[in-house]
């Protein structure tokens, strides 16, 4: 008797049902609140619907929380589903810089795990904030060429800096930088 391996399964589909309680929109009183919107695009610049972005971020003082807020949502964590046009949007507080090692800090950023149909393993990337002076010293950003670095930095879409655009391009020209894990 010959055993045949079970076929691999792709990730998805995703539905917003059951994810609402994980979507975070809390900003402590003096914190700067920012809204990020964008679109997930494939190699042909077609939108990628029905994907999920899992966001991890520090609070304004640069601390990662290990507790839930009053509503039971994990602090510094959210899951956002894309719509039929691959669009996503979220509002959160501006994270602070976090330690890299004893000698340097990482610029404020949001860690992003990306899940979609057709991916057997999620993708890992980051979104950085435009105009942050600490971007120039961030070890991860500085390890990339300037054109590749630009795929990780959001773009201001308002004079106040409270509205940002950041698109995720999965392949091809201007492909978002993804990291091995």
N, C-alpha and C. Protein backbone atom coordinates (compact mmCIF):
# COMPACT_ATOMS: atom_id res chain seq x y z
N UNK A 1 0.84 -1.18 0.00
CA UNK A 1 0.00 0.00 0.00
C UNK A 1 0.88 1.24 0.00
N UNK A 2 0.57 2.19 -0.86
CA UNK A 2 1.34 3.42 -0.96
C UNK A 2 0.53 4.57 -0.36
N UNK A 3 1.14 5.33 0.53
CA UNK A 3 0.48 6.49 1.13
C UNK A 3 0.81 7.74 0.33
N UNK A 4 -0.20 8.53 0.07
CA UNK A 4 -0.03 9.78 -0.67
C UNK A 4 -0.16 10.94 0.30
N UNK A 5 0.79 11.90 0.26
CA UNK A 5 0.69 13.03 1.18
C UNK A 5 -0.59 13.83 0.94
N UNK A 6 -1.11 14.38 2.01
CA UNK A 6 -2.28 15.25 1.92
C UNK A 6 -1.87 16.54 1.23
N UNK A 7 -2.73 17.04 0.37
CA UNK A 7 -2.43 18.28 -0.34
C UNK A 7 -2.31 19.44 0.63
N UNK A 8 -1.42 20.38 0.32
CA UNK A 8 -1.29 21.58 1.14
C UNK A 8 -2.52 22.46 0.94
N UNK A 9 -2.85 23.19 1.95
CA UNK A 9 -3.99 24.10 1.88
C UNK A 9 -3.47 25.52 1.90
N UNK A 10 -4.09 26.38 1.13
CA UNK A 10 -3.72 27.79 1.17
C UNK A 10 -4.47 28.47 2.29
N UNK A 11 -4.04 29.66 2.61
CA UNK A 11 -4.65 30.44 3.68
C UNK A 11 -5.89 31.14 3.15
N UNK A 12 -6.95 31.18 3.95
CA UNK A 12 -8.14 31.94 3.59
C UNK A 12 -9.25 31.03 3.14
N UNK A 13 -10.39 31.49 2.75
CA UNK A 13 -10.74 32.90 2.66
C UNK A 13 -10.98 33.51 4.04
N UNK A 14 -10.96 34.84 4.07
CA UNK A 14 -11.17 35.55 5.32
C UNK A 14 -12.49 36.28 5.29
N UNK A 15 -13.09 36.38 6.42
CA UNK A 15 -14.33 37.12 6.56
C UNK A 15 -14.20 38.01 7.78
N UNK A 16 -14.83 39.16 7.74
CA UNK A 16 -14.77 40.10 8.85
C UNK A 16 -15.50 39.57 10.08
N UNK A 17 -16.45 38.66 9.88
CA UNK A 17 -17.21 38.10 10.99
C UNK A 17 -16.24 37.53 12.02
N UNK A 18 -16.42 37.91 13.25
CA UNK A 18 -15.58 37.40 14.32
C UNK A 18 -14.28 38.16 14.51
N UNK A 19 -14.01 39.17 13.69
CA UNK A 19 -12.77 39.91 13.83
C UNK A 19 -12.98 41.30 14.39
N UNK A 20 -14.21 41.78 14.46
CA UNK A 20 -14.48 43.14 14.89
C UNK A 20 -13.90 43.49 16.24
N UNK A 21 -13.94 42.55 17.17
CA UNK A 21 -13.43 42.84 18.51
C UNK A 21 -11.91 42.98 18.54
N UNK A 22 -11.23 42.55 17.49
CA UNK A 22 -9.78 42.66 17.44
C UNK A 22 -9.31 43.95 16.77
N UNK A 23 -10.22 44.66 16.15
CA UNK A 23 -9.85 45.89 15.45
C UNK A 23 -9.76 47.02 16.46
N UNK A 24 -8.58 47.60 16.56
CA UNK A 24 -8.30 48.56 17.60
C UNK A 24 -8.43 49.98 17.11
N UNK A 25 -8.97 50.82 17.93
CA UNK A 25 -9.05 52.26 17.62
C UNK A 25 -8.91 53.04 18.92
N UNK A 26 -7.91 52.72 19.67
CA UNK A 26 -7.75 53.40 20.95
C UNK A 26 -6.47 54.22 20.94
N UNK A 27 -6.57 55.46 21.35
CA UNK A 27 -5.41 56.33 21.47
C UNK A 27 -5.51 57.03 22.81
N UNK A 28 -4.52 56.83 23.69
CA UNK A 28 -4.54 57.54 24.96
C UNK A 28 -4.60 59.05 24.72
N UNK A 29 -5.17 59.76 25.65
CA UNK A 29 -5.51 61.18 25.51
C UNK A 29 -4.48 62.04 24.78
N UNK A 30 -3.22 62.16 25.25
CA UNK A 30 -2.33 63.09 24.56
C UNK A 30 -1.68 62.51 23.30
N UNK A 31 -1.94 61.27 22.98
CA UNK A 31 -1.28 60.63 21.85
C UNK A 31 -1.78 61.18 20.52
N UNK A 32 -0.86 61.26 19.57
CA UNK A 32 -1.24 61.66 18.21
C UNK A 32 -1.91 60.46 17.54
N UNK A 33 -3.10 60.69 17.04
CA UNK A 33 -3.83 59.63 16.36
C UNK A 33 -3.60 59.76 14.87
N UNK A 34 -3.38 58.63 14.19
CA UNK A 34 -3.17 58.62 12.74
C UNK A 34 -4.11 57.61 12.10
N UNK A 35 -4.55 57.93 10.89
CA UNK A 35 -5.36 57.01 10.10
C UNK A 35 -4.54 56.60 8.89
N UNK A 36 -4.43 55.31 8.69
CA UNK A 36 -3.68 54.76 7.57
C UNK A 36 -4.67 54.07 6.64
N UNK A 37 -4.58 54.40 5.37
CA UNK A 37 -5.39 53.70 4.38
C UNK A 37 -4.46 53.24 3.25
N UNK A 38 -4.88 52.21 2.56
CA UNK A 38 -4.06 51.72 1.47
C UNK A 38 -4.78 50.63 0.70
N UNK A 39 -4.02 50.00 -0.16
CA UNK A 39 -4.57 48.95 -1.00
C UNK A 39 -3.50 47.87 -1.17
N UNK A 40 -3.93 46.63 -1.22
CA UNK A 40 -3.04 45.52 -1.49
C UNK A 40 -3.17 45.19 -2.98
N UNK A 41 -2.01 45.15 -3.67
CA UNK A 41 -1.98 44.93 -5.11
C UNK A 41 -1.08 43.76 -5.47
N UNK A 42 -1.47 43.00 -6.50
CA UNK A 42 -0.63 41.90 -6.95
C UNK A 42 0.36 42.39 -8.00
N UNK A 43 1.08 41.47 -8.64
CA UNK A 43 2.11 41.85 -9.62
C UNK A 43 1.54 42.60 -10.82
N UNK A 44 0.27 42.35 -11.15
CA UNK A 44 -0.38 43.03 -12.28
C UNK A 44 -1.10 44.29 -11.85
N UNK A 45 -0.90 44.72 -10.64
CA UNK A 45 -1.56 45.88 -10.02
C UNK A 45 -3.06 45.68 -9.85
N UNK A 46 -3.48 44.41 -9.81
CA UNK A 46 -4.89 44.10 -9.52
C UNK A 46 -5.06 44.06 -8.01
N UNK A 47 -6.20 44.53 -7.50
CA UNK A 47 -6.43 44.50 -6.06
C UNK A 47 -6.53 43.07 -5.54
N UNK A 48 -6.08 42.88 -4.30
CA UNK A 48 -6.15 41.58 -3.65
C UNK A 48 -7.25 41.65 -2.59
N UNK A 49 -8.43 41.11 -2.90
CA UNK A 49 -9.53 41.15 -1.93
C UNK A 49 -9.38 40.01 -0.91
N UNK A 50 -10.11 40.13 0.17
CA UNK A 50 -10.22 39.02 1.11
C UNK A 50 -8.89 38.62 1.74
N UNK A 51 -8.03 39.60 2.04
CA UNK A 51 -6.76 39.36 2.74
C UNK A 51 -6.88 39.95 4.14
N UNK A 52 -5.92 39.62 4.98
CA UNK A 52 -5.91 40.14 6.36
C UNK A 52 -4.53 40.68 6.69
N UNK A 53 -4.52 41.86 7.28
CA UNK A 53 -3.29 42.44 7.82
C UNK A 53 -3.38 42.34 9.33
N UNK A 54 -2.38 41.75 9.94
CA UNK A 54 -2.30 41.68 11.40
C UNK A 54 -1.24 42.68 11.81
N UNK A 55 -1.64 43.63 12.64
CA UNK A 55 -0.78 44.76 13.01
C UNK A 55 -0.28 44.63 14.43
N UNK A 56 0.99 44.90 14.64
CA UNK A 56 1.61 44.91 15.97
C UNK A 56 2.37 46.22 16.11
N UNK A 57 2.11 46.96 17.20
CA UNK A 57 2.75 48.26 17.35
C UNK A 57 2.90 48.62 18.82
N UNK A 58 3.89 49.47 19.09
CA UNK A 58 4.15 49.95 20.44
C UNK A 58 3.22 51.12 20.76
N UNK A 59 3.13 51.45 22.04
CA UNK A 59 2.34 52.63 22.44
C UNK A 59 3.19 53.89 22.22
N UNK A 60 2.66 55.08 22.49
CA UNK A 60 3.42 56.31 22.25
C UNK A 60 4.74 56.41 23.03
N UNK A 61 4.85 55.67 24.13
CA UNK A 61 6.11 55.72 24.89
C UNK A 61 7.10 54.65 24.41
N UNK A 62 6.74 53.89 23.37
CA UNK A 62 7.64 52.88 22.82
C UNK A 62 7.59 51.54 23.53
N UNK A 63 6.53 51.31 24.26
CA UNK A 63 6.39 50.05 25.00
C UNK A 63 5.38 49.14 24.30
N UNK A 64 5.72 47.87 24.20
CA UNK A 64 4.76 46.88 23.69
C UNK A 64 3.96 46.37 24.87
N UNK A 65 2.64 46.42 24.75
CA UNK A 65 1.78 46.00 25.85
C UNK A 65 1.61 44.49 25.83
N UNK A 66 1.43 43.92 26.99
CA UNK A 66 1.18 42.48 27.09
C UNK A 66 -0.15 42.24 27.79
N UNK A 67 -1.05 43.20 27.66
CA UNK A 67 -2.34 43.08 28.33
C UNK A 67 -3.45 43.54 27.39
N UNK A 68 -4.67 43.28 27.78
CA UNK A 68 -5.82 43.72 27.00
C UNK A 68 -6.33 45.05 27.54
N UNK A 69 -7.02 45.81 26.69
CA UNK A 69 -7.62 47.05 27.17
C UNK A 69 -8.96 46.74 27.84
N UNK A 70 -9.69 47.76 28.24
CA UNK A 70 -10.95 47.57 28.97
C UNK A 70 -11.98 46.78 28.17
N UNK A 71 -11.91 46.81 26.83
CA UNK A 71 -12.88 46.08 26.02
C UNK A 71 -12.46 44.63 25.79
N UNK A 72 -11.26 44.26 26.24
CA UNK A 72 -10.78 42.90 26.04
C UNK A 72 -9.90 42.76 24.81
N UNK A 73 -9.74 43.85 24.03
CA UNK A 73 -8.86 43.81 22.86
C UNK A 73 -7.41 43.86 23.31
N UNK A 74 -6.55 43.09 22.66
CA UNK A 74 -5.12 43.20 22.99
C UNK A 74 -4.63 44.60 22.65
N UNK A 75 -3.85 45.21 23.53
CA UNK A 75 -3.28 46.52 23.25
C UNK A 75 -2.16 46.37 22.23
N UNK A 76 -2.06 47.32 21.32
CA UNK A 76 -0.99 47.28 20.33
C UNK A 76 -1.16 46.20 19.29
N UNK A 77 -2.39 45.77 19.05
CA UNK A 77 -2.65 44.68 18.11
C UNK A 77 -3.98 44.92 17.42
N UNK A 78 -4.04 44.63 16.14
CA UNK A 78 -5.30 44.71 15.41
C UNK A 78 -5.24 43.81 14.19
N UNK A 79 -6.39 43.39 13.73
CA UNK A 79 -6.50 42.66 12.46
C UNK A 79 -7.45 43.45 11.57
N UNK A 80 -7.03 43.65 10.34
CA UNK A 80 -7.80 44.44 9.39
C UNK A 80 -7.98 43.60 8.13
N UNK A 81 -9.22 43.46 7.69
CA UNK A 81 -9.52 42.73 6.45
C UNK A 81 -9.58 43.71 5.29
N UNK A 82 -9.12 43.27 4.11
CA UNK A 82 -9.26 44.10 2.92
C UNK A 82 -10.67 43.91 2.35
N UNK A 83 -11.13 44.91 1.60
CA UNK A 83 -12.45 44.81 0.98
C UNK A 83 -12.31 44.21 -0.44
N UNK A 84 -13.38 44.25 -1.20
CA UNK A 84 -13.39 43.65 -2.54
C UNK A 84 -12.40 44.33 -3.49
N UNK A 85 -12.00 45.58 -3.17
CA UNK A 85 -11.03 46.30 -3.99
C UNK A 85 -9.62 46.26 -3.38
N UNK A 86 -9.42 45.39 -2.39
CA UNK A 86 -8.11 45.27 -1.76
C UNK A 86 -7.77 46.41 -0.83
N UNK A 87 -8.74 47.25 -0.50
CA UNK A 87 -8.49 48.41 0.34
C UNK A 87 -8.57 48.04 1.83
N UNK A 88 -7.82 48.79 2.62
CA UNK A 88 -7.88 48.66 4.07
C UNK A 88 -7.71 50.04 4.69
N UNK A 89 -8.12 50.17 5.94
CA UNK A 89 -7.97 51.42 6.67
C UNK A 89 -8.00 51.12 8.15
N UNK A 90 -7.18 51.82 8.91
CA UNK A 90 -7.21 51.69 10.36
C UNK A 90 -6.75 52.99 10.99
N UNK A 91 -7.20 53.22 12.22
CA UNK A 91 -6.81 54.39 12.99
C UNK A 91 -6.19 53.90 14.29
N UNK A 92 -5.07 54.48 14.64
CA UNK A 92 -4.38 54.09 15.86
C UNK A 92 -3.55 55.26 16.38
N UNK A 93 -2.96 55.08 17.56
CA UNK A 93 -2.07 56.11 18.08
C UNK A 93 -0.71 55.95 17.43
N UNK A 94 0.00 57.05 17.34
CA UNK A 94 1.34 57.05 16.78
C UNK A 94 2.26 56.32 17.76
N UNK A 95 2.88 55.21 17.33
CA UNK A 95 3.78 54.51 18.24
C UNK A 95 5.07 55.29 18.47
N UNK A 96 5.71 55.02 19.58
CA UNK A 96 6.99 55.65 19.87
C UNK A 96 8.15 54.79 19.39
N UNK A 97 9.37 55.32 19.42
CA UNK A 97 10.55 54.52 19.06
C UNK A 97 10.75 53.40 20.08
N UNK A 98 11.24 52.28 19.61
CA UNK A 98 11.48 51.12 20.50
C UNK A 98 12.95 50.71 20.43
N UNK A 99 13.48 50.16 21.52
CA UNK A 99 14.89 49.77 21.53
C UNK A 99 15.20 48.68 20.50
N UNK A 100 16.36 48.80 19.88
CA UNK A 100 16.88 47.76 18.99
C UNK A 100 17.90 46.93 19.77
N UNK A 101 18.82 47.64 20.39
CA UNK A 101 19.79 47.04 21.29
C UNK A 101 20.18 48.11 22.29
N UNK A 102 21.23 47.90 23.02
CA UNK A 102 21.62 48.88 24.05
C UNK A 102 22.10 50.20 23.46
N UNK A 103 22.46 50.21 22.20
CA UNK A 103 23.06 51.41 21.62
C UNK A 103 22.16 52.17 20.65
N UNK A 104 21.09 51.56 20.17
CA UNK A 104 20.28 52.31 19.21
C UNK A 104 18.80 51.97 19.32
N UNK A 105 18.01 52.87 18.75
CA UNK A 105 16.55 52.73 18.78
C UNK A 105 16.02 52.47 17.37
N UNK A 106 14.87 51.82 17.31
CA UNK A 106 14.17 51.66 16.05
C UNK A 106 13.18 52.81 15.90
N UNK A 107 13.02 53.31 14.71
CA UNK A 107 12.05 54.38 14.45
C UNK A 107 10.64 53.84 14.70
N UNK A 108 9.69 54.72 15.01
CA UNK A 108 8.31 54.26 15.17
C UNK A 108 7.85 53.51 13.91
N UNK A 109 7.22 52.38 14.12
CA UNK A 109 6.78 51.55 13.00
C UNK A 109 5.64 50.66 13.45
N UNK A 110 5.01 50.03 12.48
CA UNK A 110 3.98 49.02 12.74
C UNK A 110 4.44 47.74 12.06
N UNK A 111 4.55 46.67 12.83
CA UNK A 111 4.86 45.36 12.26
C UNK A 111 3.59 44.81 11.61
N UNK A 112 3.73 44.24 10.41
CA UNK A 112 2.56 43.76 9.67
C UNK A 112 2.80 42.32 9.22
N UNK A 113 1.88 41.44 9.64
CA UNK A 113 1.83 40.09 9.08
C UNK A 113 0.72 40.11 8.05
N UNK A 114 1.00 39.56 6.87
CA UNK A 114 0.04 39.61 5.78
C UNK A 114 -0.39 38.18 5.43
N UNK A 115 -1.70 37.95 5.42
CA UNK A 115 -2.27 36.65 5.09
C UNK A 115 -3.18 36.81 3.88
N UNK A 116 -3.13 35.86 2.94
CA UNK A 116 -4.02 35.91 1.78
C UNK A 116 -4.12 34.52 1.16
N UNK A 117 -5.15 34.35 0.36
CA UNK A 117 -5.28 33.10 -0.40
C UNK A 117 -4.06 32.91 -1.26
N UNK A 118 -3.65 31.66 -1.40
CA UNK A 118 -2.50 31.35 -2.24
C UNK A 118 -1.17 31.40 -1.50
N UNK A 119 -1.16 31.95 -0.30
CA UNK A 119 0.07 31.98 0.49
C UNK A 119 0.04 30.83 1.49
N UNK A 120 1.05 29.99 1.46
CA UNK A 120 1.12 28.92 2.43
C UNK A 120 1.68 29.41 3.76
N UNK A 121 2.46 30.47 3.69
CA UNK A 121 3.00 31.11 4.90
C UNK A 121 2.75 32.61 4.78
N UNK A 122 2.46 33.22 5.92
CA UNK A 122 2.22 34.67 5.89
C UNK A 122 3.50 35.43 5.55
N UNK A 123 3.33 36.66 5.14
CA UNK A 123 4.46 37.55 4.84
C UNK A 123 4.63 38.53 5.98
N UNK A 124 5.85 38.94 6.21
CA UNK A 124 6.18 39.86 7.30
C UNK A 124 6.80 41.11 6.72
N UNK A 125 6.27 42.27 7.10
CA UNK A 125 6.82 43.54 6.67
C UNK A 125 6.62 44.58 7.76
N UNK A 126 6.96 45.80 7.48
CA UNK A 126 6.77 46.92 8.42
C UNK A 126 6.28 48.13 7.67
N UNK A 127 5.59 49.00 8.40
CA UNK A 127 5.21 50.31 7.87
C UNK A 127 5.83 51.36 8.79
N UNK A 128 6.58 52.27 8.19
CA UNK A 128 7.20 53.37 8.92
C UNK A 128 6.44 54.66 8.63
N UNK A 129 6.65 55.66 9.45
CA UNK A 129 5.94 56.93 9.35
C UNK A 129 6.80 57.98 8.65
N UNK A 130 6.20 58.73 7.73
CA UNK A 130 6.97 59.74 6.98
C UNK A 130 7.39 60.90 7.88
N UNK A 131 8.54 61.48 7.56
CA UNK A 131 8.99 62.66 8.28
C UNK A 131 9.56 62.39 9.66
N UNK A 132 9.67 61.16 10.06
CA UNK A 132 10.25 60.84 11.37
C UNK A 132 11.77 60.97 11.30
N UNK A 133 12.33 61.83 12.13
CA UNK A 133 13.78 62.02 12.10
C UNK A 133 14.52 60.75 12.46
N UNK A 134 13.89 59.87 13.25
CA UNK A 134 14.55 58.62 13.67
C UNK A 134 14.61 57.59 12.54
N UNK A 135 13.90 57.83 11.43
CA UNK A 135 13.99 56.91 10.29
C UNK A 135 15.43 56.83 9.77
N UNK A 136 16.15 57.95 9.84
CA UNK A 136 17.52 58.02 9.32
C UNK A 136 18.49 57.14 10.09
N UNK A 137 18.15 56.75 11.31
CA UNK A 137 19.05 55.92 12.12
C UNK A 137 18.48 54.52 12.38
N UNK A 138 17.30 54.23 11.85
CA UNK A 138 16.70 52.92 12.09
C UNK A 138 17.55 51.83 11.43
N UNK A 139 17.99 50.82 12.21
CA UNK A 139 18.89 49.81 11.65
C UNK A 139 18.29 49.02 10.49
N UNK A 140 17.02 48.71 10.56
CA UNK A 140 16.41 47.94 9.49
C UNK A 140 16.27 48.78 8.23
N UNK A 141 15.75 50.00 8.36
CA UNK A 141 15.62 50.87 7.19
C UNK A 141 16.97 51.14 6.54
N UNK A 142 17.99 51.37 7.37
CA UNK A 142 19.31 51.69 6.83
C UNK A 142 19.98 50.49 6.16
N UNK A 143 19.49 49.29 6.42
CA UNK A 143 20.06 48.10 5.77
C UNK A 143 19.55 47.93 4.34
N UNK A 144 18.58 48.77 3.93
CA UNK A 144 17.97 48.67 2.59
C UNK A 144 18.43 49.82 1.70
N UNK A 145 18.43 49.58 0.39
CA UNK A 145 18.71 50.67 -0.54
C UNK A 145 17.57 51.68 -0.46
N UNK A 146 17.84 52.91 -0.88
CA UNK A 146 16.85 53.97 -0.74
C UNK A 146 15.54 53.65 -1.46
N UNK A 147 15.61 53.06 -2.65
CA UNK A 147 14.38 52.76 -3.39
C UNK A 147 13.58 51.65 -2.70
N UNK A 148 14.24 50.68 -2.12
CA UNK A 148 13.54 49.60 -1.40
C UNK A 148 12.97 50.13 -0.09
N UNK A 149 13.72 51.00 0.57
CA UNK A 149 13.29 51.62 1.83
C UNK A 149 11.97 52.36 1.63
N UNK A 150 11.81 53.00 0.49
CA UNK A 150 10.61 53.80 0.21
C UNK A 150 9.34 52.95 0.23
N UNK A 151 9.44 51.64 -0.02
CA UNK A 151 8.25 50.79 -0.01
C UNK A 151 7.70 50.56 1.39
N UNK A 152 8.49 50.91 2.40
CA UNK A 152 8.07 50.70 3.79
C UNK A 152 7.59 51.98 4.47
N UNK A 153 7.80 53.11 3.85
CA UNK A 153 7.43 54.39 4.47
C UNK A 153 6.12 54.89 3.87
N UNK A 154 5.15 55.13 4.74
CA UNK A 154 3.84 55.64 4.31
C UNK A 154 4.01 57.05 3.75
N UNK A 155 2.98 57.53 3.10
CA UNK A 155 2.99 58.85 2.47
C UNK A 155 1.90 59.71 3.11
N UNK A 156 2.25 60.97 3.46
CA UNK A 156 1.25 61.90 4.00
C UNK A 156 0.21 62.22 2.93
N UNK A 157 -1.05 62.20 3.32
CA UNK A 157 -2.12 62.61 2.39
C UNK A 157 -2.89 63.81 2.95
N UNK A 158 -2.36 64.40 4.04
CA UNK A 158 -2.98 65.61 4.60
C UNK A 158 -1.89 66.49 5.20
N UNK A 159 -2.18 67.76 5.27
CA UNK A 159 -1.20 68.71 5.83
C UNK A 159 -0.93 68.44 7.30
N UNK A 160 -1.91 67.89 8.00
CA UNK A 160 -1.76 67.63 9.43
C UNK A 160 -0.88 66.42 9.72
N UNK A 161 -0.65 65.58 8.72
CA UNK A 161 0.12 64.35 8.94
C UNK A 161 -0.67 63.27 9.64
N UNK A 162 -1.96 63.48 9.80
CA UNK A 162 -2.80 62.50 10.50
C UNK A 162 -3.43 61.49 9.56
N UNK A 163 -3.28 61.69 8.26
CA UNK A 163 -3.81 60.75 7.27
C UNK A 163 -2.66 60.28 6.39
N UNK A 164 -2.47 58.97 6.36
CA UNK A 164 -1.36 58.39 5.63
C UNK A 164 -1.85 57.36 4.64
N UNK A 165 -1.07 57.19 3.56
CA UNK A 165 -1.35 56.14 2.59
C UNK A 165 -0.15 55.21 2.54
N UNK A 166 -0.43 53.91 2.60
CA UNK A 166 0.63 52.90 2.48
C UNK A 166 0.05 51.72 1.73
N UNK A 167 0.58 51.46 0.55
CA UNK A 167 0.12 50.35 -0.26
C UNK A 167 1.08 49.18 -0.15
N UNK A 168 0.53 47.99 -0.22
CA UNK A 168 1.32 46.76 -0.20
C UNK A 168 1.29 46.19 -1.61
N UNK A 169 2.47 46.08 -2.23
CA UNK A 169 2.60 45.51 -3.57
C UNK A 169 3.30 44.16 -3.41
N UNK A 170 2.63 43.09 -3.81
CA UNK A 170 3.12 41.75 -3.54
C UNK A 170 4.26 41.29 -4.45
N UNK A 171 4.31 41.79 -5.67
CA UNK A 171 5.38 41.41 -6.60
C UNK A 171 5.57 42.51 -7.63
N UNK A 172 6.72 42.45 -8.31
CA UNK A 172 6.95 43.34 -9.43
C UNK A 172 7.55 44.67 -9.04
N UNK A 173 7.34 45.65 -9.92
CA UNK A 173 7.89 46.99 -9.70
C UNK A 173 7.36 47.57 -8.39
N UNK A 174 8.25 48.15 -7.60
CA UNK A 174 7.92 48.74 -6.30
C UNK A 174 7.36 47.73 -5.32
N UNK A 175 7.77 46.47 -5.46
CA UNK A 175 7.33 45.43 -4.52
C UNK A 175 7.70 45.83 -3.10
N UNK A 176 6.77 45.68 -2.19
CA UNK A 176 7.01 45.96 -0.78
C UNK A 176 8.10 45.03 -0.27
N UNK A 177 8.97 45.53 0.58
CA UNK A 177 10.00 44.70 1.19
C UNK A 177 9.33 43.76 2.20
N UNK A 178 9.61 42.47 2.06
CA UNK A 178 9.15 41.46 3.02
C UNK A 178 10.39 40.83 3.64
N UNK A 179 10.25 40.42 4.90
CA UNK A 179 11.38 39.90 5.66
C UNK A 179 11.26 38.41 5.90
N UNK A 180 12.39 37.74 5.94
CA UNK A 180 12.42 36.31 6.29
C UNK A 180 12.20 36.20 7.78
N UNK A 181 11.57 35.14 8.20
CA UNK A 181 11.36 34.94 9.63
C UNK A 181 11.65 33.55 10.01
